[in-house]
């Protein structure tokens, strides 16, 4: 058995100083993450009345009610459609834009990068209001499409259930692509240009270089972009809230899981336990989908 070496007084002092430095961070993590998560899981098994402060244990009743509630099914469906369309689109568009802007043949790259990055600097609330103006029944999008002769009477994109969620999708893609493009561009700086030159000697065109050099090189970054995109889309709340004034309308077409959690947690009905159960289910869905996306992209290679 190895002999235990006694620490010197200086080593003990350094160790105590280290613990003292990390104690505030550990306290913050405990209060705002660990305890909050444990308390949310506890709430999900209770019928909670915030007005009277009563907690009544009801086993798995809140979880059973999720699959009985039509609005929960609609919110789950809307959130899944939103993530399924937005995540691949924003990832592909950001990758292609970064590849083009990283090329040495493009002039004025710095100007393009700055212009493309501007939506990221704008707040989500301002972007939502801008898009609500653009897609208004009397807005420029309707005038433009009618001038092209695509249809004769204006479409109410904001109040038609068939279009409302699609407008939020377009808004989300437009606002997130610049951020992910910047991440790809930062990684492409380290990609040796000699690889492209060698590929050109072998007769590779721009698409070949993107497919066989850029995409494999950026695979770890793509995993990060996919995970960030999945988490962001499944937690989408502010744009749907502003767009529908918190109702999830028209006709529940913009109702997402995060918005439904908010409505149940802070609405008129004492359904905080049901909201906590929804939050737990949402966390499990995000974890499973993220792991699947990571596996498909070869994240562990």
C-alpha atoms as a PDB file:
ATOM      1  CA  UNK A   1       0.000   0.000   0.000  1.00  0.00           C
ATOM      2  CA  UNK A   2       1.582   3.314  -1.057  1.00  0.00           C
ATOM      3  CA  UNK A   3       2.523   5.615   1.771  1.00  0.00           C
ATOM      4  CA  UNK A   4       0.348   8.691   2.004  1.00  0.00           C
ATOM      5  CA  UNK A   5       2.369  11.896   1.581  1.00  0.00           C
ATOM      6  CA  UNK A   6       1.478  14.583   4.063  1.00  0.00           C
ATOM      7  CA  UNK A   7       0.627  17.911   2.429  1.00  0.00           C
ATOM      8  CA  UNK A   8       2.668  20.915   3.400  1.00  0.00           C
ATOM      9  CA  UNK A   9       1.088  23.999   4.933  1.00  0.00           C
ATOM     10  CA  UNK A  10       1.575  25.902   1.674  1.00  0.00           C
ATOM     11  CA  UNK A  11      -0.173  23.185  -0.355  1.00  0.00           C
ATOM     12  CA  UNK A  12      -3.102  23.161   2.085  1.00  0.00           C
ATOM     13  CA  UNK A  13      -3.412  26.946   1.832  1.00  0.00           C
ATOM     14  CA  UNK A  14      -3.401  26.779  -1.977  1.00  0.00           C
ATOM     15  CA  UNK A  15      -6.050  24.063  -1.891  1.00  0.00           C
ATOM     16  CA  UNK A  16      -8.272  26.129   0.430  1.00  0.00           C
ATOM     17  CA  UNK A  17      -7.829  29.187  -1.805  1.00  0.00           C
ATOM     18  CA  UNK A  18      -8.922  27.101  -4.789  1.00  0.00           C
ATOM     19  CA  UNK A  19     -12.072  25.943  -2.995  1.00  0.00           C
ATOM     20  CA  UNK A  20     -12.776  29.538  -1.936  1.00  0.00           C
ATOM     21  CA  UNK A  21     -12.607  30.725  -5.554  1.00  0.00           C
ATOM     22  CA  UNK A  22     -14.993  28.085  -6.905  1.00  0.00           C
ATOM     23  CA  UNK A  23     -17.471  28.237  -4.005  1.00  0.00           C
ATOM     24  CA  UNK A  24     -19.547  31.151  -5.459  1.00  0.00           C
ATOM     25  CA  UNK A  25     -19.834  29.345  -8.812  1.00  0.00           C
ATOM     26  CA  UNK A  26     -20.863  26.101  -7.098  1.00  0.00           C
ATOM     27  CA  UNK A  27     -23.500  27.946  -5.045  1.00  0.00           C
ATOM     28  CA  UNK A  28     -24.935  29.556  -8.198  1.00  0.00           C
ATOM     29  CA  UNK A  29     -25.019  26.183  -9.968  1.00  0.00           C
ATOM     30  CA  UNK A  30     -26.679  24.533  -6.977  1.00  0.00           C
ATOM     31  CA  UNK A  31     -29.388  27.193  -6.592  1.00  0.00           C
ATOM     32  CA  UNK A  32     -30.211  27.948 -10.225  1.00  0.00           C
ATOM     33  CA  UNK A  33     -29.599  24.538 -11.800  1.00  0.00           C
ATOM     34  CA  UNK A  34     -29.477  21.525  -9.485  1.00  0.00           C
ATOM     35  CA  UNK A  35     -32.070  22.596  -6.905  1.00  0.00           C
ATOM     36  CA  UNK A  36     -34.284  24.154  -9.600  1.00  0.00           C
ATOM     37  CA  UNK A  37     -34.279  20.961 -11.671  1.00  0.00           C
ATOM     38  CA  UNK A  38     -34.987  18.753  -8.658  1.00  0.00           C
ATOM     39  CA  UNK A  39     -37.809  21.073  -7.542  1.00  0.00           C
ATOM     40  CA  UNK A  40     -39.314  21.105 -11.065  1.00  0.00           C
ATOM     41  CA  UNK A  41     -39.310  17.297 -11.129  1.00  0.00           C
ATOM     42  CA  UNK A  42     -40.972  17.301  -7.683  1.00  0.00           C
ATOM     43  CA  UNK A  43     -43.628  19.747  -8.910  1.00  0.00           C
ATOM     44  CA  UNK A  44     -44.362  17.535 -11.923  1.00  0.00           C
ATOM     45  CA  UNK A  45     -45.729  14.855  -9.550  1.00  0.00           C
ATOM     46  CA  UNK A  46     -47.971  17.284  -7.662  1.00  0.00           C
ATOM     47  CA  UNK A  47     -51.136  19.248  -8.185  1.00  0.00           C
ATOM     48  CA  UNK A  48     -49.925  22.729  -7.300  1.00  0.00           C
ATOM     49  CA  UNK A  49     -52.073  25.652  -6.268  1.00  0.00           C
ATOM     50  CA  UNK A  50     -49.884  28.743  -6.084  1.00  0.00           C
ATOM     51  CA  UNK A  51     -52.662  30.878  -4.600  1.00  0.00           C
ATOM     52  CA  UNK A  52     -53.112  28.676  -1.526  1.00  0.00           C
ATOM     53  CA  UNK A  53     -49.599  27.180  -1.531  1.00  0.00           C
ATOM     54  CA  UNK A  54     -50.973  23.608  -1.564  1.00  0.00           C
ATOM     55  CA  UNK A  55     -49.007  20.718  -3.043  1.00  0.00           C
ATOM     56  CA  UNK A  56     -51.001  17.515  -3.547  1.00  0.00           C
ATOM     57  CA  UNK A  57     -49.130  14.406  -4.651  1.00  0.00           C
ATOM     58  CA  UNK A  58     -50.908  12.879  -7.681  1.00  0.00           C
ATOM     59  CA  UNK A  59     -48.361  10.324  -8.951  1.00  0.00           C
ATOM     60  CA  UNK A  60     -48.124  10.403 -12.784  1.00  0.00           C
ATOM     61  CA  UNK A  61     -51.446  12.205 -13.370  1.00  0.00           C
ATOM     62  CA  UNK A  62     -49.760  15.315 -14.852  1.00  0.00           C
ATOM     63  CA  UNK A  63     -47.798  13.172 -17.322  1.00  0.00           C
ATOM     64  CA  UNK A  64     -50.942  11.239 -18.304  1.00  0.00           C
ATOM     65  CA  UNK A  65     -52.797  14.501 -18.883  1.00  0.00           C
ATOM     66  CA  UNK A  66     -50.155  15.629 -21.388  1.00  0.00           C
ATOM     67  CA  UNK A  67     -51.273  12.928 -23.831  1.00  0.00           C
ATOM     68  CA  UNK A  68     -54.975  13.585 -23.096  1.00  0.00           C
ATOM     69  CA  UNK A  69     -54.749  17.342 -23.654  1.00  0.00           C
ATOM     70  CA  UNK A  70     -55.347  18.282 -27.351  1.00  0.00           C
ATOM     71  CA  UNK A  71     -53.393  21.543 -26.988  1.00  0.00           C
ATOM     72  CA  UNK A  72     -50.332  19.641 -25.713  1.00  0.00           C
ATOM     73  CA  UNK A  73     -50.422  17.407 -28.787  1.00  0.00           C
ATOM     74  CA  UNK A  74     -50.769  20.447 -31.052  1.00  0.00           C
ATOM     75  CA  UNK A  75     -47.878  22.216 -29.276  1.00  0.00           C
ATOM     76  CA  UNK A  76     -45.700  19.106 -29.573  1.00  0.00           C
ATOM     77  CA  UNK A  77     -46.553  18.801 -33.270  1.00  0.00           C
ATOM     78  CA  UNK A  78     -45.854  22.516 -33.961  1.00  0.00           C
ATOM     79  CA  UNK A  79     -42.542  22.372 -32.099  1.00  0.00           C
ATOM     80  CA  UNK A  80     -41.449  19.215 -33.940  1.00  0.00           C
ATOM     81  CA  UNK A  81     -42.336  20.689 -37.352  1.00  0.00           C
ATOM     82  CA  UNK A  82     -40.572  23.914 -36.434  1.00  0.00           C
ATOM     83  CA  UNK A  83     -37.362  22.122 -35.392  1.00  0.00           C
ATOM     84  CA  UNK A  84     -37.490  19.648 -38.284  1.00  0.00           C
ATOM     85  CA  UNK A  85     -37.572  22.426 -40.865  1.00  0.00           C
ATOM     86  CA  UNK A  86     -35.532  25.194 -39.212  1.00  0.00           C
ATOM     87  CA  UNK A  87     -32.503  23.242 -37.915  1.00  0.00           C
ATOM     88  CA  UNK A  88     -31.424  21.620 -41.230  1.00  0.00           C
ATOM     89  CA  UNK A  89     -32.187  24.787 -43.208  1.00  0.00           C
ATOM     90  CA  UNK A  90     -30.220  27.155 -40.987  1.00  0.00           C
ATOM     91  CA  UNK A  91     -27.300  24.708 -40.796  1.00  0.00           C
ATOM     92  CA  UNK A  92     -27.044  24.210 -44.574  1.00  0.00           C
ATOM     93  CA  UNK A  93     -27.501  27.905 -45.423  1.00  0.00           C
ATOM     94  CA  UNK A  94     -24.932  28.982 -42.803  1.00  0.00           C
ATOM     95  CA  UNK A  95     -22.422  26.401 -44.053  1.00  0.00           C
ATOM     96  CA  UNK A  96     -22.791  27.407 -47.712  1.00  0.00           C
ATOM     97  CA  UNK A  97     -22.594  31.128 -46.918  1.00  0.00           C
ATOM     98  CA  UNK A  98     -19.458  30.599 -44.797  1.00  0.00           C
ATOM     99  CA  UNK A  99     -17.887  28.533 -47.577  1.00  0.00           C
ATOM    100  CA  UNK A 100     -18.554  31.264 -50.140  1.00  0.00           C
ATOM    101  CA  UNK A 101     -17.347  34.092 -47.896  1.00  0.00           C
ATOM    102  CA  UNK A 102     -14.175  32.155 -47.004  1.00  0.00           C
ATOM    103  CA  UNK A 103     -13.198  31.945 -50.675  1.00  0.00           C
ATOM    104  CA  UNK A 104     -10.255  34.069 -51.769  1.00  0.00           C
ATOM    105  CA  UNK A 105     -11.979  34.990 -55.021  1.00  0.00           C
ATOM    106  CA  UNK A 106     -14.798  36.954 -53.365  1.00  0.00           C
ATOM    107  CA  UNK A 107     -14.243  40.719 -53.247  1.00  0.00           C
ATOM    108  CA  UNK A 108     -15.670  42.853 -50.437  1.00  0.00           C
ATOM    109  CA  UNK A 109     -15.903  39.900 -48.052  1.00  0.00           C
ATOM    110  CA  UNK A 110     -15.643  42.083 -44.943  1.00  0.00           C
ATOM    111  CA  UNK A 111     -18.614  44.186 -46.042  1.00  0.00           C
ATOM    112  CA  UNK A 112     -20.737  41.102 -46.754  1.00  0.00           C
ATOM    113  CA  UNK A 113     -19.789  39.571 -43.386  1.00  0.00           C
ATOM    114  CA  UNK A 114     -20.766  42.742 -41.544  1.00  0.00           C
ATOM    115  CA  UNK A 115     -24.075  43.070 -43.410  1.00  0.00           C
ATOM    116  CA  UNK A 116     -24.960  39.415 -42.899  1.00  0.00           C
ATOM    117  CA  UNK A 117     -24.119  39.622 -39.189  1.00  0.00           C
ATOM    118  CA  UNK A 118     -26.423  42.603 -38.531  1.00  0.00           C
ATOM    119  CA  UNK A 119     -29.572  40.495 -37.807  1.00  0.00           C
ATOM    120  CA  UNK A 120     -27.699  38.854 -34.918  1.00  0.00           C
ATOM    121  CA  UNK A 121     -27.185  42.251 -33.285  1.00  0.00           C
ATOM    122  CA  UNK A 122     -30.906  43.034 -33.400  1.00  0.00           C
ATOM    123  CA  UNK A 123     -33.115  41.965 -30.505  1.00  0.00           C
ATOM    124  CA  UNK A 124     -35.611  39.188 -31.018  1.00  0.00           C
ATOM    125  CA  UNK A 125     -38.494  41.519 -30.156  1.00  0.00           C
ATOM    126  CA  UNK A 126     -37.473  44.056 -32.801  1.00  0.00           C
ATOM    127  CA  UNK A 127     -37.042  41.313 -35.426  1.00  0.00           C
ATOM    128  CA  UNK A 128     -40.517  39.962 -34.678  1.00  0.00           C
ATOM    129  CA  UNK A 129     -42.104  43.398 -35.070  1.00  0.00           C
ATOM    130  CA  UNK A 130     -40.189  43.950 -38.353  1.00  0.00           C
ATOM    131  CA  UNK A 131     -41.422  40.630 -39.752  1.00  0.00           C
ATOM    132  CA  UNK A 132     -44.988  41.334 -38.591  1.00  0.00           C
ATOM    133  CA  UNK A 133     -44.797  44.582 -40.577  1.00  0.00           C
ATOM    134  CA  UNK A 134     -43.332  42.851 -43.647  1.00  0.00           C
ATOM    135  CA  UNK A 135     -45.969  40.092 -43.678  1.00  0.00           C
ATOM    136  CA  UNK A 136     -48.908  42.314 -42.734  1.00  0.00           C
ATOM    137  CA  UNK A 137     -51.933  42.122 -45.009  1.00  0.00           C
ATOM    138  CA  UNK A 138     -50.983  45.605 -46.295  1.00  0.00           C
ATOM    139  CA  UNK A 139     -47.229  44.985 -45.991  1.00  0.00           C
ATOM    140  CA  UNK A 140     -44.514  45.001 -48.675  1.00  0.00           C
ATOM    141  CA  UNK A 141     -44.436  41.183 -49.063  1.00  0.00           C
ATOM    142  CA  UNK A 142     -48.070  41.105 -50.186  1.00  0.00           C
ATOM    143  CA  UNK A 143     -47.536  44.073 -52.552  1.00  0.00           C
ATOM    144  CA  UNK A 144     -44.430  42.460 -54.035  1.00  0.00           C
ATOM    145  CA  UNK A 145     -46.036  39.059 -54.643  1.00  0.00           C
ATOM    146  CA  UNK A 146     -49.216  40.636 -56.049  1.00  0.00           C
ATOM    147  CA  UNK A 147     -47.137  42.779 -58.425  1.00  0.00           C
ATOM    148  CA  UNK A 148     -45.490  39.580 -59.648  1.00  0.00           C
ATOM    149  CA  UNK A 149     -48.984  38.283 -60.425  1.00  0.00           C
ATOM    150  CA  UNK A 150     -48.788  35.305 -58.057  1.00  0.00           C
ATOM    151  CA  UNK A 151     -52.225  36.120 -56.600  1.00  0.00           C
ATOM    152  CA  UNK A 152     -54.858  38.866 -56.864  1.00  0.00           C
ATOM    153  CA  UNK A 153     -56.012  39.529 -53.282  1.00  0.00           C
ATOM    154  CA  UNK A 154     -53.642  39.987 -50.294  1.00  0.00           C
ATOM    155  CA  UNK A 155     -52.989  37.057 -47.934  1.00  0.00           C
ATOM    156  CA  UNK A 156     -53.289  37.612 -44.200  1.00  0.00           C
ATOM    157  CA  UNK A 157     -50.051  35.803 -43.285  1.00  0.00           C
ATOM    158  CA  UNK A 158     -50.337  36.784 -39.614  1.00  0.00           C
ATOM    159  CA  UNK A 159     -53.888  35.502 -39.039  1.00  0.00           C
ATOM    160  CA  UNK A 160     -54.075  32.510 -41.375  1.00  0.00           C
ATOM    161  CA  UNK A 161     -53.192  29.268 -39.508  1.00  0.00           C
ATOM    162  CA  UNK A 162     -51.656  27.852 -42.685  1.00  0.00           C
ATOM    163  CA  UNK A 163     -49.036  30.651 -42.849  1.00  0.00           C
ATOM    164  CA  UNK A 164     -48.453  31.925 -39.283  1.00  0.00           C
ATOM    165  CA  UNK A 165     -45.930  29.284 -38.177  1.00  0.00           C
ATOM    166  CA  UNK A 166     -44.118  29.503 -41.532  1.00  0.00           C
ATOM    167  CA  UNK A 167     -43.575  33.241 -41.015  1.00  0.00           C
ATOM    168  CA  UNK A 168     -41.963  32.515 -37.625  1.00  0.00           C
ATOM    169  CA  UNK A 169     -39.812  29.836 -39.270  1.00  0.00           C
ATOM    170  CA  UNK A 170     -38.558  32.335 -41.866  1.00  0.00           C
ATOM    171  CA  UNK A 171     -37.884  34.873 -39.137  1.00  0.00           C
ATOM    172  CA  UNK A 172     -35.971  32.367 -37.006  1.00  0.00           C
ATOM    173  CA  UNK A 173     -33.830  31.184 -39.926  1.00  0.00           C
ATOM    174  CA  UNK A 174     -33.083  34.758 -40.992  1.00  0.00           C
ATOM    175  CA  UNK A 175     -31.975  35.719 -37.478  1.00  0.00           C
ATOM    176  CA  UNK A 176     -29.891  32.628 -36.618  1.00  0.00           C
ATOM    177  CA  UNK A 177     -28.047  31.937 -39.878  1.00  0.00           C
ATOM    178  CA  UNK A 178     -25.566  34.859 -39.418  1.00  0.00           C
ATOM    179  CA  UNK A 179     -24.549  33.592 -35.979  1.00  0.00           C
ATOM    180  CA  UNK A 180     -23.872  30.043 -37.191  1.00  0.00           C
ATOM    181  CA  UNK A 181     -22.182  31.391 -40.333  1.00  0.00           C
ATOM    182  CA  UNK A 182     -19.737  33.314 -38.128  1.00  0.00           C
ATOM    183  CA  UNK A 183     -18.913  30.135 -36.194  1.00  0.00           C
ATOM    184  CA  UNK A 184     -18.213  28.283 -39.453  1.00  0.00           C
ATOM    185  CA  UNK A 185     -16.087  31.178 -40.751  1.00  0.00           C
ATOM    186  CA  UNK A 186     -13.974  31.221 -37.591  1.00  0.00           C
ATOM    187  CA  UNK A 187     -13.245  27.524 -38.047  1.00  0.00           C
ATOM    188  CA  UNK A 188     -12.465  27.819 -41.758  1.00  0.00           C
ATOM    189  CA  UNK A 189      -9.615  30.222 -40.958  1.00  0.00           C
ATOM    190  CA  UNK A 190      -7.551  27.216 -39.781  1.00  0.00           C
ATOM    191  CA  UNK A 191      -8.324  25.092 -42.862  1.00  0.00           C
ATOM    192  CA  UNK A 192      -5.110  24.905 -44.970  1.00  0.00           C
ATOM    193  CA  UNK A 193      -5.772  26.431 -48.390  1.00  0.00           C
ATOM    194  CA  UNK A 194      -3.262  24.002 -49.866  1.00  0.00           C
ATOM    195  CA  UNK A 195      -5.968  21.307 -49.639  1.00  0.00           C
ATOM    196  CA  UNK A 196      -8.160  23.312 -52.021  1.00  0.00           C
ATOM    197  CA  UNK A 197      -5.194  23.909 -54.356  1.00  0.00           C
ATOM    198  CA  UNK A 198      -4.375  20.195 -54.422  1.00  0.00           C
ATOM    199  CA  UNK A 199      -8.022  19.394 -55.167  1.00  0.00           C
ATOM    200  CA  UNK A 200      -8.044  21.917 -58.041  1.00  0.00           C
ATOM    201  CA  UNK A 201      -4.999  20.203 -59.563  1.00  0.00           C
ATOM    202  CA  UNK A 202      -6.982  16.947 -59.465  1.00  0.00           C
ATOM    203  CA  UNK A 203      -9.844  18.650 -61.301  1.00  0.00           C
ATOM    204  CA  UNK A 204     -12.221  19.292 -58.393  1.00  0.00           C
ATOM    205  CA  UNK A 205     -14.846  22.006 -58.842  1.00  0.00           C
ATOM    206  CA  UNK A 206     -16.329  24.226 -56.130  1.00  0.00           C
ATOM    207  CA  UNK A 207     -19.013  21.674 -55.177  1.00  0.00           C
ATOM    208  CA  UNK A 208     -16.422  18.872 -54.918  1.00  0.00           C
ATOM    209  CA  UNK A 209     -14.251  20.975 -52.623  1.00  0.00           C
ATOM    210  CA  UNK A 210     -17.253  21.758 -50.447  1.00  0.00           C
ATOM    211  CA  UNK A 211     -18.329  18.104 -50.298  1.00  0.00           C
ATOM    212  CA  UNK A 212     -14.980  16.364 -49.814  1.00  0.00           C
ATOM    213  CA  UNK A 213     -12.914  18.971 -47.921  1.00  0.00           C
ATOM    214  CA  UNK A 214     -15.012  21.641 -46.207  1.00  0.00           C
ATOM    215  CA  UNK A 215     -17.907  19.536 -44.881  1.00  0.00           C
ATOM    216  CA  UNK A 216     -15.726  16.725 -43.395  1.00  0.00           C
ATOM    217  CA  UNK A 217     -13.371  19.305 -41.868  1.00  0.00           C
ATOM    218  CA  UNK A 218     -16.276  21.174 -40.258  1.00  0.00           C
ATOM    219  CA  UNK A 219     -18.031  18.069 -38.925  1.00  0.00           C
ATOM    220  CA  UNK A 220     -17.286  18.805 -35.213  1.00  0.00           C
ATOM    221  CA  UNK A 221     -18.496  22.384 -35.695  1.00  0.00           C
ATOM    222  CA  UNK A 222     -21.597  21.100 -37.476  1.00  0.00           C
ATOM    223  CA  UNK A 223     -22.348  18.905 -34.464  1.00  0.00           C
ATOM    224  CA  UNK A 224     -22.204  21.983 -32.244  1.00  0.00           C
ATOM    225  CA  UNK A 225     -24.408  23.966 -34.657  1.00  0.00           C
ATOM    226  CA  UNK A 226     -26.956  21.135 -34.812  1.00  0.00           C
ATOM    227  CA  UNK A 227     -27.123  20.756 -31.029  1.00  0.00           C
ATOM    228  CA  UNK A 228     -27.423  24.507 -30.494  1.00  0.00           C
ATOM    229  CA  UNK A 229     -30.088  24.720 -33.184  1.00  0.00           C
ATOM    230  CA  UNK A 230     -32.102  21.816 -31.767  1.00  0.00           C
ATOM    231  CA  UNK A 231     -32.050  23.251 -28.259  1.00  0.00           C
ATOM    232  CA  UNK A 232     -32.963  26.731 -29.515  1.00  0.00           C
ATOM    233  CA  UNK A 233     -35.841  25.609 -31.735  1.00  0.00           C
ATOM    234  CA  UNK A 234     -37.390  23.286 -29.157  1.00  0.00           C
ATOM    235  CA  UNK A 235     -37.234  26.121 -26.608  1.00  0.00           C
ATOM    236  CA  UNK A 236     -38.615  28.736 -29.013  1.00  0.00           C
ATOM    237  CA  UNK A 237     -40.815  31.072 -26.976  1.00  0.00           C
ATOM    238  CA  UNK A 238     -40.307  34.817 -27.430  1.00  0.00           C
ATOM    239  CA  UNK A 239     -41.091  35.040 -31.146  1.00  0.00           C
ATOM    240  CA  UNK A 240     -44.262  32.927 -30.796  1.00  0.00           C
ATOM    241  CA  UNK A 241     -45.326  34.924 -27.734  1.00  0.00           C
ATOM    242  CA  UNK A 242     -44.911  38.326 -29.405  1.00  0.00           C
ATOM    243  CA  UNK A 243     -46.380  37.106 -32.700  1.00  0.00           C
ATOM    244  CA  UNK A 244     -49.575  35.753 -31.087  1.00  0.00           C
ATOM    245  CA  UNK A 245     -49.734  38.079 -28.077  1.00  0.00           C
ATOM    246  CA  UNK A 246     -49.220  35.035 -25.854  1.00  0.00           C
ATOM    247  CA  UNK A 247     -52.234  33.081 -27.118  1.00  0.00           C
ATOM    248  CA  UNK A 248     -50.482  30.716 -29.555  1.00  0.00           C
ATOM    249  CA  UNK A 249     -52.994  31.718 -32.231  1.00  0.00           C
ATOM    250  CA  UNK A 250     -54.409  31.897 -34.750  1.00  0.00           C
ATOM    251  CA  UNK A 251     -56.185  28.615 -33.936  1.00  0.00           C
ATOM    252  CA  UNK A 252     -53.151  27.311 -31.954  1.00  0.00           C
ATOM    253  CA  UNK A 253     -51.010  27.370 -35.128  1.00  0.00           C
ATOM    254  CA  UNK A 254     -48.081  29.097 -33.344  1.00  0.00           C
ATOM    255  CA  UNK A 255     -48.485  27.277 -30.027  1.00  0.00           C
ATOM    256  CA  UNK A 256     -45.141  25.765 -28.997  1.00  0.00           C
ATOM    257  CA  UNK A 257     -44.259  23.649 -25.961  1.00  0.00           C
ATOM    258  CA  UNK A 258     -42.409  26.521 -24.270  1.00  0.00           C
ATOM    259  CA  UNK A 259     -45.370  28.844 -24.787  1.00  0.00           C
ATOM    260  CA  UNK A 260     -47.765  26.201 -23.446  1.00  0.00           C
ATOM    261  CA  UNK A 261     -45.546  25.740 -20.376  1.00  0.00           C
ATOM    262  CA  UNK A 262     -45.689  29.495 -19.770  1.00  0.00           C
ATOM    263  CA  UNK A 263     -49.481  29.577 -20.152  1.00  0.00           C
ATOM    264  CA  UNK A 264     -49.969  26.741 -17.651  1.00  0.00           C
ATOM    265  CA  UNK A 265     -47.371  27.993 -15.178  1.00  0.00           C
ATOM    266  CA  UNK A 266     -48.467  31.640 -15.041  1.00  0.00           C
ATOM    267  CA  UNK A 267     -52.042  31.530 -16.385  1.00  0.00           C
ATOM    268  CA  UNK A 268     -55.316  31.715 -14.500  1.00  0.00           C
ATOM    269  CA  UNK A 269     -55.574  27.988 -13.757  1.00  0.00           C
ATOM    270  CA  UNK A 270     -53.520  26.375 -10.933  1.00  0.00           C
ATOM    271  CA  UNK A 271     -51.623  24.055 -13.300  1.00  0.00           C
ATOM    272  CA  UNK A 272     -48.012  24.625 -12.284  1.00  0.00           C
ATOM    273  CA  UNK A 273     -47.575  20.860 -11.796  1.00  0.00           C
ATOM    274  CA  UNK A 274     -48.779  20.203 -15.337  1.00  0.00           C
ATOM    275  CA  UNK A 275     -46.378  22.887 -16.631  1.00  0.00           C
ATOM    276  CA  UNK A 276     -43.502  21.239 -14.734  1.00  0.00           C
ATOM    277  CA  UNK A 277     -44.391  17.861 -16.286  1.00  0.00           C
ATOM    278  CA  UNK A 278     -44.368  19.485 -19.740  1.00  0.00           C
ATOM    279  CA  UNK A 279     -40.948  20.998 -18.989  1.00  0.00           C
ATOM    280  CA  UNK A 280     -39.572  17.597 -17.941  1.00  0.00           C
ATOM    281  CA  UNK A 281     -40.942  15.960 -21.110  1.00  0.00           C
ATOM    282  CA  UNK A 282     -39.482  18.776 -23.232  1.00  0.00           C
ATOM    283  CA  UNK A 283     -36.058  18.267 -21.615  1.00  0.00           C
ATOM    284  CA  UNK A 284     -36.194  14.533 -22.343  1.00  0.00           C
ATOM    285  CA  UNK A 285     -37.190  15.168 -25.982  1.00  0.00           C
ATOM    286  CA  UNK A 286     -34.346  17.673 -26.448  1.00  0.00           C
ATOM    287  CA  UNK A 287     -31.859  15.210 -24.943  1.00  0.00           C
ATOM    288  CA  UNK A 288     -32.995  12.314 -27.160  1.00  0.00           C
ATOM    289  CA  UNK A 289     -33.119  14.370 -30.372  1.00  0.00           C
ATOM    290  CA  UNK A 290     -29.718  15.923 -29.629  1.00  0.00           C
ATOM    291  CA  UNK A 291     -28.145  12.510 -29.081  1.00  0.00           C
ATOM    292  CA  UNK A 292     -29.659  11.208 -32.336  1.00  0.00           C
ATOM    293  CA  UNK A 293     -28.375  14.241 -34.279  1.00  0.00           C
ATOM    294  CA  UNK A 294     -24.935  13.850 -32.706  1.00  0.00           C
ATOM    295  CA  UNK A 295     -24.810  10.169 -33.652  1.00  0.00           C
ATOM    296  CA  UNK A 296     -25.969  10.824 -37.220  1.00  0.00           C
ATOM    297  CA  UNK A 297     -23.294  13.480 -37.651  1.00  0.00           C
ATOM    298  CA  UNK A 298     -20.574  11.255 -36.192  1.00  0.00           C
ATOM    299  CA  UNK A 299     -20.106  13.469 -33.175  1.00  0.00           C
ATOM    300  CA  UNK A 300     -18.086  10.891 -31.221  1.00  0.00           C
ATOM    301  CA  UNK A 301     -15.587  10.195 -34.015  1.00  0.00           C
END
